[in-house]
Amino acid sequence: MIARIFLTTSLLVLAACSGGHPSTQASAATTNANANASAEANVDGVVVHASAAPTARLNTITASRYGIPVDGDALLLLVTVRDSHGDGVPANAVQLTAQSAVLPDAPAPLSLRAITTNGMTDYIAVVSAKPPASVQFKIDARKGSATATMAFTQDLLPR
């Protein structure tokens, strides 16, 4: 239980905060390996925030427990789903699909794994990439007929 709280807290600390207001339109960002790329959207009152960071920044004990490699050859995608007050929503409140591409490769589907802690469900995926690399992420969120697409790129540099 403590490890889950620590993982969620660690991942949220790694997640960069979006400076703008949530949007149902596509949001995009590009950043370097020293910062985390992120995007955020509001889907019918549900705030979806996605960010990516090098797995080498994770705590090794927590990363090991969840099967996340902590070497320098991967990025962690974290997608959080909350209500407008920052509280958890049911795991099925929003349907998510994700894609990633290690440029210049074509995008491929990305399997998101749910992690639920204290009533809050986050989704993670690990993308392997040999540094230096630029990894493109695209996340589609749907709640009923409301949809949003988020896209951003995260660079992975050698340590």
N, C-alpha and C. Protein backbone atom coordinates (compact mmCIF):
# COMPACT_ATOMS: atom_id res chain seq x y z
N MET A 1 0.83 -1.19 0.00
CA MET A 1 0.00 0.00 0.00
C MET A 1 0.87 1.25 0.00
N ILE A 2 1.87 1.29 0.86
CA ILE A 2 2.76 2.45 0.92
C ILE A 2 3.51 2.60 -0.38
N ALA A 3 3.91 1.49 -0.97
CA ALA A 3 4.63 1.55 -2.24
C ALA A 3 3.74 2.13 -3.34
N ARG A 4 2.45 1.76 -3.36
CA ARG A 4 1.53 2.32 -4.36
C ARG A 4 1.40 3.83 -4.19
N ILE A 5 1.24 4.25 -2.95
CA ILE A 5 1.13 5.69 -2.69
C ILE A 5 2.41 6.38 -3.12
N PHE A 6 3.56 5.77 -2.80
CA PHE A 6 4.83 6.36 -3.18
C PHE A 6 4.97 6.41 -4.70
N LEU A 7 4.56 5.32 -5.39
CA LEU A 7 4.64 5.30 -6.85
C LEU A 7 3.79 6.40 -7.45
N THR A 8 2.53 6.48 -7.00
CA THR A 8 1.65 7.50 -7.54
C THR A 8 2.20 8.89 -7.25
N THR A 9 2.67 9.11 -6.03
CA THR A 9 3.24 10.40 -5.67
C THR A 9 4.48 10.68 -6.51
N SER A 10 5.34 9.68 -6.67
CA SER A 10 6.56 9.85 -7.47
C SER A 10 6.23 10.19 -8.91
N LEU A 11 5.25 9.47 -9.46
CA LEU A 11 4.89 9.71 -10.84
C LEU A 11 4.25 11.08 -11.01
N LEU A 12 3.42 11.48 -10.05
CA LEU A 12 2.79 12.79 -10.13
C LEU A 12 3.81 13.91 -9.98
N VAL A 13 4.83 13.70 -9.14
CA VAL A 13 5.88 14.69 -9.00
C VAL A 13 6.63 14.82 -10.32
N LEU A 14 6.82 13.69 -11.00
CA LEU A 14 7.49 13.73 -12.29
C LEU A 14 6.64 14.40 -13.36
N ALA A 15 5.33 14.33 -13.19
CA ALA A 15 4.44 14.89 -14.21
C ALA A 15 4.51 16.41 -14.19
N ALA A 16 4.76 16.99 -15.33
CA ALA A 16 4.81 18.45 -15.42
C ALA A 16 3.40 19.00 -15.38
N CYS A 17 3.22 20.13 -14.71
CA CYS A 17 1.90 20.74 -14.63
C CYS A 17 1.65 21.56 -15.88
N SER A 18 0.47 21.43 -16.41
CA SER A 18 0.09 22.22 -17.58
C SER A 18 -0.32 23.60 -17.11
N GLY A 19 0.19 24.64 -17.78
CA GLY A 19 -0.10 26.00 -17.37
C GLY A 19 -1.43 26.50 -17.87
N GLY A 20 -2.02 25.86 -18.87
CA GLY A 20 -3.26 26.35 -19.46
C GLY A 20 -4.47 25.69 -18.84
N HIS A 21 -5.63 26.08 -19.33
CA HIS A 21 -6.87 25.48 -18.88
C HIS A 21 -7.11 24.20 -19.68
N PRO A 22 -7.80 23.23 -19.10
CA PRO A 22 -8.12 22.01 -19.83
C PRO A 22 -8.89 22.35 -21.10
N SER A 23 -8.68 21.55 -22.13
CA SER A 23 -9.30 21.81 -23.41
C SER A 23 -9.76 20.52 -24.03
N THR A 24 -10.83 20.59 -24.81
CA THR A 24 -11.26 19.41 -25.53
C THR A 24 -10.56 19.34 -26.87
N GLN A 25 -9.81 20.35 -27.23
CA GLN A 25 -9.04 20.32 -28.45
C GLN A 25 -7.69 19.69 -28.18
N ALA A 26 -7.03 19.30 -29.25
CA ALA A 26 -5.72 18.69 -29.10
C ALA A 26 -4.76 19.67 -28.45
N SER A 27 -3.96 19.17 -27.53
CA SER A 27 -2.92 20.00 -26.96
C SER A 27 -1.59 19.33 -27.28
N ALA A 28 -0.57 20.13 -27.46
CA ALA A 28 0.71 19.57 -27.86
C ALA A 28 1.83 20.25 -27.11
N ALA A 29 2.92 19.51 -26.92
CA ALA A 29 4.10 20.07 -26.26
C ALA A 29 5.33 19.32 -26.73
N THR A 30 6.44 20.00 -26.76
CA THR A 30 7.72 19.37 -27.03
C THR A 30 8.68 19.87 -25.97
N THR A 31 9.52 18.97 -25.46
CA THR A 31 10.45 19.38 -24.42
C THR A 31 11.72 18.56 -24.53
N ASN A 32 12.70 18.87 -23.70
CA ASN A 32 13.93 18.08 -23.71
C ASN A 32 13.91 17.06 -22.58
N ALA A 33 14.95 16.27 -22.48
CA ALA A 33 14.97 15.19 -21.50
C ALA A 33 15.08 15.69 -20.06
N ASN A 34 15.45 16.93 -19.85
CA ASN A 34 15.57 17.46 -18.49
C ASN A 34 14.23 17.94 -17.95
N ALA A 35 13.22 17.98 -18.79
CA ALA A 35 11.89 18.38 -18.36
C ALA A 35 10.91 17.32 -18.85
N ASN A 36 9.73 17.32 -18.29
CA ASN A 36 8.73 16.35 -18.70
C ASN A 36 7.75 17.01 -19.66
N ALA A 37 7.45 16.32 -20.75
CA ALA A 37 6.43 16.79 -21.67
C ALA A 37 5.09 16.38 -21.10
N SER A 38 4.07 17.20 -21.36
CA SER A 38 2.75 16.85 -20.86
C SER A 38 1.67 17.49 -21.72
N ALA A 39 0.46 17.00 -21.56
CA ALA A 39 -0.71 17.56 -22.22
C ALA A 39 -1.91 17.28 -21.33
N GLU A 40 -2.93 18.11 -21.45
CA GLU A 40 -4.11 17.97 -20.62
C GLU A 40 -5.35 18.30 -21.43
N ALA A 41 -6.44 17.60 -21.13
CA ALA A 41 -7.71 17.85 -21.81
C ALA A 41 -8.85 17.65 -20.82
N ASN A 42 -9.97 18.31 -21.10
CA ASN A 42 -11.18 18.15 -20.33
C ASN A 42 -12.19 17.43 -21.23
N VAL A 43 -12.65 16.28 -20.78
CA VAL A 43 -13.60 15.49 -21.56
C VAL A 43 -14.89 15.41 -20.75
N ASP A 44 -15.83 16.28 -21.07
CA ASP A 44 -17.13 16.29 -20.41
C ASP A 44 -17.00 16.30 -18.88
N GLY A 45 -16.16 17.20 -18.37
CA GLY A 45 -16.00 17.35 -16.93
C GLY A 45 -14.94 16.47 -16.30
N VAL A 46 -14.32 15.61 -17.06
CA VAL A 46 -13.25 14.75 -16.55
C VAL A 46 -11.92 15.29 -17.10
N VAL A 47 -10.98 15.55 -16.21
CA VAL A 47 -9.68 16.09 -16.59
C VAL A 47 -8.71 14.92 -16.81
N VAL A 48 -8.15 14.86 -18.01
CA VAL A 48 -7.18 13.82 -18.35
C VAL A 48 -5.84 14.51 -18.54
N HIS A 49 -4.84 14.08 -17.79
CA HIS A 49 -3.50 14.67 -17.87
C HIS A 49 -2.53 13.56 -18.24
N ALA A 50 -1.71 13.82 -19.24
CA ALA A 50 -0.71 12.84 -19.67
C ALA A 50 0.66 13.47 -19.62
N SER A 51 1.65 12.70 -19.15
CA SER A 51 3.02 13.19 -19.11
C SER A 51 3.97 12.02 -19.32
N ALA A 52 5.19 12.35 -19.71
CA ALA A 52 6.20 11.31 -19.92
C ALA A 52 7.50 11.77 -19.29
N ALA A 53 8.25 10.80 -18.78
CA ALA A 53 9.53 11.08 -18.14
C ALA A 53 10.43 9.85 -18.29
N PRO A 54 11.74 10.07 -18.31
CA PRO A 54 12.67 8.94 -18.37
C PRO A 54 12.49 8.03 -17.15
N THR A 55 12.48 6.72 -17.38
CA THR A 55 12.32 5.78 -16.28
C THR A 55 13.51 5.80 -15.34
N ALA A 56 14.64 6.28 -15.81
CA ALA A 56 15.84 6.34 -14.96
C ALA A 56 15.63 7.27 -13.77
N ARG A 57 14.63 8.14 -13.80
CA ARG A 57 14.35 9.05 -12.69
C ARG A 57 13.51 8.42 -11.58
N LEU A 58 12.98 7.23 -11.81
CA LEU A 58 12.10 6.60 -10.83
C LEU A 58 12.89 5.98 -9.68
N ASN A 59 12.27 5.89 -8.52
CA ASN A 59 12.80 5.18 -7.38
C ASN A 59 12.91 3.71 -7.75
N THR A 60 14.08 3.09 -7.56
CA THR A 60 14.30 1.72 -8.02
C THR A 60 13.41 0.69 -7.32
N ILE A 61 13.13 0.86 -6.05
CA ILE A 61 12.30 -0.11 -5.33
C ILE A 61 10.87 -0.08 -5.85
N THR A 62 10.32 1.10 -5.99
CA THR A 62 8.95 1.23 -6.49
C THR A 62 8.86 0.78 -7.94
N ALA A 63 9.82 1.18 -8.75
CA ALA A 63 9.82 0.79 -10.16
C ALA A 63 9.88 -0.73 -10.29
N SER A 64 10.68 -1.36 -9.48
CA SER A 64 10.82 -2.82 -9.51
C SER A 64 9.50 -3.50 -9.17
N ARG A 65 8.81 -2.99 -8.17
CA ARG A 65 7.54 -3.58 -7.74
C ARG A 65 6.51 -3.58 -8.86
N TYR A 66 6.53 -2.55 -9.70
CA TYR A 66 5.56 -2.43 -10.79
C TYR A 66 6.13 -2.85 -12.14
N GLY A 67 7.32 -3.41 -12.14
CA GLY A 67 7.90 -3.92 -13.38
C GLY A 67 8.31 -2.85 -14.36
N ILE A 68 8.71 -1.70 -13.84
CA ILE A 68 9.13 -0.58 -14.70
C ILE A 68 10.66 -0.56 -14.73
N PRO A 69 11.26 -0.64 -15.91
CA PRO A 69 12.73 -0.62 -15.98
C PRO A 69 13.25 0.77 -15.58
N VAL A 70 14.36 0.80 -14.87
CA VAL A 70 14.93 2.08 -14.46
C VAL A 70 16.24 2.38 -15.19
N ASP A 71 16.45 1.66 -16.28
CA ASP A 71 17.64 1.97 -17.07
C ASP A 71 17.40 3.25 -17.88
N GLY A 72 18.35 3.65 -18.65
CA GLY A 72 18.22 4.89 -19.40
C GLY A 72 17.61 4.72 -20.77
N ASP A 73 17.02 3.55 -21.05
CA ASP A 73 16.52 3.27 -22.39
C ASP A 73 15.00 3.18 -22.46
N ALA A 74 14.28 3.97 -21.67
CA ALA A 74 12.82 3.91 -21.71
C ALA A 74 12.21 5.20 -21.16
N LEU A 75 10.99 5.45 -21.58
CA LEU A 75 10.18 6.55 -21.06
C LEU A 75 8.93 5.97 -20.43
N LEU A 76 8.48 6.58 -19.35
CA LEU A 76 7.24 6.20 -18.69
C LEU A 76 6.16 7.19 -19.10
N LEU A 77 5.05 6.69 -19.61
CA LEU A 77 3.88 7.52 -19.87
C LEU A 77 2.94 7.35 -18.68
N LEU A 78 2.51 8.46 -18.11
CA LEU A 78 1.56 8.47 -17.00
C LEU A 78 0.34 9.26 -17.44
N VAL A 79 -0.83 8.64 -17.33
CA VAL A 79 -2.09 9.31 -17.66
C VAL A 79 -2.95 9.29 -16.40
N THR A 80 -3.31 10.48 -15.92
CA THR A 80 -4.17 10.59 -14.75
C THR A 80 -5.56 11.02 -15.20
N VAL A 81 -6.58 10.52 -14.50
CA VAL A 81 -7.97 10.83 -14.81
C VAL A 81 -8.63 11.29 -13.51
N ARG A 82 -9.08 12.54 -13.49
CA ARG A 82 -9.66 13.13 -12.27
C ARG A 82 -10.90 13.95 -12.62
N ASP A 83 -11.70 14.26 -11.60
CA ASP A 83 -12.78 15.21 -11.84
C ASP A 83 -12.20 16.62 -11.77
N SER A 84 -13.04 17.62 -11.98
CA SER A 84 -12.54 19.00 -12.05
C SER A 84 -11.99 19.50 -10.72
N HIS A 85 -12.25 18.78 -9.62
CA HIS A 85 -11.73 19.15 -8.30
C HIS A 85 -10.46 18.38 -7.95
N GLY A 86 -10.01 17.52 -8.86
CA GLY A 86 -8.81 16.73 -8.62
C GLY A 86 -9.07 15.41 -7.91
N ASP A 87 -10.34 15.06 -7.73
CA ASP A 87 -10.68 13.80 -7.07
C ASP A 87 -10.76 12.67 -8.10
N GLY A 88 -10.63 11.45 -7.60
CA GLY A 88 -10.70 10.29 -8.47
C GLY A 88 -12.07 10.12 -9.08
N VAL A 89 -12.10 9.48 -10.24
CA VAL A 89 -13.35 9.13 -10.92
C VAL A 89 -13.33 7.61 -11.13
N PRO A 90 -14.49 7.01 -11.38
CA PRO A 90 -14.49 5.56 -11.63
C PRO A 90 -13.55 5.20 -12.77
N ALA A 91 -12.95 4.03 -12.69
CA ALA A 91 -11.97 3.60 -13.68
C ALA A 91 -12.53 3.58 -15.09
N ASN A 92 -13.83 3.39 -15.23
CA ASN A 92 -14.44 3.35 -16.56
C ASN A 92 -15.07 4.68 -16.98
N ALA A 93 -14.74 5.76 -16.28
CA ALA A 93 -15.33 7.07 -16.58
C ALA A 93 -14.94 7.57 -17.97
N VAL A 94 -13.75 7.24 -18.40
CA VAL A 94 -13.24 7.67 -19.69
C VAL A 94 -12.57 6.47 -20.36
N GLN A 95 -12.79 6.31 -21.64
CA GLN A 95 -12.10 5.27 -22.40
C GLN A 95 -10.86 5.91 -23.02
N LEU A 96 -9.71 5.29 -22.80
CA LEU A 96 -8.45 5.82 -23.29
C LEU A 96 -7.82 4.88 -24.30
N THR A 97 -7.24 5.46 -25.34
CA THR A 97 -6.37 4.72 -26.24
C THR A 97 -5.12 5.55 -26.42
N ALA A 98 -4.00 4.88 -26.62
CA ALA A 98 -2.73 5.60 -26.75
C ALA A 98 -1.89 4.99 -27.86
N GLN A 99 -1.05 5.84 -28.42
CA GLN A 99 -0.07 5.44 -29.43
C GLN A 99 1.25 6.10 -29.09
N SER A 100 2.33 5.46 -29.50
CA SER A 100 3.63 6.08 -29.36
C SER A 100 4.46 5.77 -30.60
N ALA A 101 5.44 6.61 -30.84
CA ALA A 101 6.36 6.40 -31.96
C ALA A 101 7.72 6.92 -31.56
N VAL A 102 8.73 6.07 -31.70
CA VAL A 102 10.10 6.53 -31.55
C VAL A 102 10.49 7.04 -32.94
N LEU A 103 10.56 8.36 -33.06
CA LEU A 103 10.76 8.97 -34.38
C LEU A 103 12.06 8.49 -35.00
N PRO A 104 12.08 8.19 -36.28
CA PRO A 104 11.09 8.47 -37.32
C PRO A 104 10.11 7.32 -37.57
N ASP A 105 10.02 6.34 -36.68
CA ASP A 105 9.12 5.20 -36.88
C ASP A 105 7.66 5.65 -36.86
N ALA A 106 6.81 4.83 -37.43
CA ALA A 106 5.37 5.11 -37.45
C ALA A 106 4.77 4.83 -36.07
N PRO A 107 3.68 5.52 -35.74
CA PRO A 107 3.01 5.27 -34.46
C PRO A 107 2.49 3.84 -34.36
N ALA A 108 2.53 3.31 -33.14
CA ALA A 108 2.01 1.97 -32.86
C ALA A 108 1.14 2.05 -31.61
N PRO A 109 0.13 1.18 -31.51
CA PRO A 109 -0.72 1.19 -30.31
C PRO A 109 0.11 0.95 -29.05
N LEU A 110 -0.30 1.58 -27.98
CA LEU A 110 0.39 1.48 -26.71
C LEU A 110 -0.61 0.93 -25.68
N SER A 111 -0.23 -0.11 -24.98
CA SER A 111 -1.09 -0.73 -23.99
C SER A 111 -0.95 0.03 -22.67
N LEU A 112 -2.05 0.58 -22.17
CA LEU A 112 -2.05 1.29 -20.90
C LEU A 112 -2.43 0.32 -19.79
N ARG A 113 -1.67 0.35 -18.70
CA ARG A 113 -1.93 -0.51 -17.54
C ARG A 113 -2.50 0.35 -16.41
N ALA A 114 -3.64 -0.05 -15.86
CA ALA A 114 -4.29 0.69 -14.78
C ALA A 114 -3.63 0.39 -13.45
N ILE A 115 -3.43 1.45 -12.66
CA ILE A 115 -2.96 1.32 -11.29
C ILE A 115 -3.92 2.14 -10.44
N THR A 116 -4.61 1.49 -9.50
CA THR A 116 -5.58 2.18 -8.65
C THR A 116 -5.05 2.24 -7.24
N THR A 117 -5.02 3.45 -6.69
CA THR A 117 -4.56 3.68 -5.33
C THR A 117 -5.50 4.68 -4.67
N ASN A 118 -6.05 4.30 -3.53
CA ASN A 118 -6.93 5.19 -2.76
C ASN A 118 -8.05 5.78 -3.62
N GLY A 119 -8.67 4.97 -4.45
CA GLY A 119 -9.80 5.41 -5.25
C GLY A 119 -9.44 6.22 -6.49
N MET A 120 -8.16 6.36 -6.76
CA MET A 120 -7.73 7.10 -7.95
C MET A 120 -7.03 6.15 -8.90
N THR A 121 -7.48 6.15 -10.14
CA THR A 121 -6.90 5.26 -11.14
C THR A 121 -6.01 6.07 -12.08
N ASP A 122 -4.78 5.62 -12.21
CA ASP A 122 -3.83 6.19 -13.16
C ASP A 122 -3.49 5.09 -14.15
N TYR A 123 -2.99 5.49 -15.30
CA TYR A 123 -2.64 4.54 -16.34
C TYR A 123 -1.18 4.78 -16.72
N ILE A 124 -0.43 3.67 -16.87
CA ILE A 124 0.97 3.80 -17.22
C ILE A 124 1.31 2.90 -18.40
N ALA A 125 2.37 3.28 -19.09
CA ALA A 125 2.94 2.46 -20.15
C ALA A 125 4.41 2.82 -20.24
N VAL A 126 5.23 1.86 -20.64
CA VAL A 126 6.66 2.09 -20.80
C VAL A 126 6.99 1.92 -22.28
N VAL A 127 7.74 2.90 -22.81
CA VAL A 127 8.16 2.86 -24.21
C VAL A 127 9.68 2.77 -24.24
N SER A 128 10.17 1.71 -24.82
CA SER A 128 11.62 1.53 -24.96
C SER A 128 12.13 2.38 -26.11
N ALA A 129 13.28 3.01 -25.89
CA ALA A 129 13.91 3.83 -26.92
C ALA A 129 15.39 3.94 -26.61
N LYS A 130 16.21 3.85 -27.62
CA LYS A 130 17.66 3.96 -27.44
C LYS A 130 18.04 5.44 -27.54
N PRO A 131 18.57 6.02 -26.45
CA PRO A 131 18.95 7.44 -26.48
C PRO A 131 20.11 7.68 -27.46
N PRO A 132 20.17 8.80 -28.09
CA PRO A 132 19.19 9.89 -28.06
C PRO A 132 17.99 9.55 -28.94
N ALA A 133 16.80 9.90 -28.46
CA ALA A 133 15.59 9.59 -29.21
C ALA A 133 14.51 10.63 -28.89
N SER A 134 13.61 10.81 -29.83
CA SER A 134 12.41 11.61 -29.61
C SER A 134 11.23 10.67 -29.72
N VAL A 135 10.39 10.67 -28.70
CA VAL A 135 9.25 9.77 -28.67
C VAL A 135 7.98 10.61 -28.70
N GLN A 136 7.13 10.30 -29.66
CA GLN A 136 5.86 11.00 -29.83
C GLN A 136 4.76 10.20 -29.15
N PHE A 137 3.89 10.88 -28.42
CA PHE A 137 2.76 10.23 -27.76
C PHE A 137 1.47 10.86 -28.27
N LYS A 138 0.44 10.03 -28.42
CA LYS A 138 -0.90 10.51 -28.77
C LYS A 138 -1.87 9.73 -27.91
N ILE A 139 -2.71 10.45 -27.18
CA ILE A 139 -3.69 9.83 -26.29
C ILE A 139 -5.06 10.35 -26.68
N ASP A 140 -5.99 9.43 -26.95
CA ASP A 140 -7.38 9.78 -27.24
C ASP A 140 -8.23 9.40 -26.04
N ALA A 141 -9.11 10.32 -25.64
CA ALA A 141 -9.99 10.09 -24.51
C ALA A 141 -11.43 10.27 -24.96
N ARG A 142 -12.32 9.38 -24.51
CA ARG A 142 -13.73 9.45 -24.88
C ARG A 142 -14.59 9.22 -23.65
N LYS A 143 -15.59 10.10 -23.50
CA LYS A 143 -16.62 9.91 -22.48
C LYS A 143 -17.95 10.17 -23.17
N GLY A 144 -18.68 9.10 -23.42
CA GLY A 144 -19.92 9.25 -24.20
C GLY A 144 -19.58 9.76 -25.59
N SER A 145 -20.22 10.86 -25.98
CA SER A 145 -19.94 11.43 -27.31
C SER A 145 -18.84 12.49 -27.27
N ALA A 146 -18.35 12.83 -26.07
CA ALA A 146 -17.28 13.82 -25.94
C ALA A 146 -15.92 13.15 -26.15
N THR A 147 -15.06 13.79 -26.92
CA THR A 147 -13.73 13.23 -27.18
C THR A 147 -12.67 14.32 -27.08
N ALA A 148 -11.46 13.90 -26.86
CA ALA A 148 -10.32 14.82 -26.84
C ALA A 148 -9.09 14.03 -27.27
N THR A 149 -8.18 14.72 -27.92
CA THR A 149 -6.92 14.12 -28.32
C THR A 149 -5.79 14.97 -27.78
N MET A 150 -4.83 14.31 -27.17
CA MET A 150 -3.64 14.99 -26.66
C MET A 150 -2.43 14.40 -27.37
N ALA A 151 -1.46 15.26 -27.68
CA ALA A 151 -0.25 14.79 -28.32
C ALA A 151 0.94 15.61 -27.83
N PHE A 152 2.07 14.93 -27.64
CA PHE A 152 3.28 15.63 -27.25
C PHE A 152 4.47 14.75 -27.57
N THR A 153 5.65 15.36 -27.53
CA THR A 153 6.90 14.65 -27.80
C THR A 153 7.83 14.82 -26.61
N GLN A 154 8.50 13.73 -26.23
CA GLN A 154 9.48 13.76 -25.15
C GLN A 154 10.80 13.26 -25.70
N ASP A 155 11.88 14.00 -25.46
CA ASP A 155 13.21 13.58 -25.86
C ASP A 155 13.82 12.72 -24.77
N LEU A 156 14.59 11.72 -25.18
CA LEU A 156 15.30 10.86 -24.26
C LEU A 156 16.78 10.98 -24.62
N LEU A 157 17.56 11.55 -23.72
CA LEU A 157 18.98 11.75 -23.95
C LEU A 157 19.80 10.77 -23.13
N PRO A 158 21.02 10.47 -23.57
CA PRO A 158 21.88 9.58 -22.76
C PRO A 158 22.11 10.20 -21.40
N ARG A 159 22.26 9.33 -20.38
CA ARG A 159 22.51 9.84 -19.02
C ARG A 159 23.94 10.23 -18.87
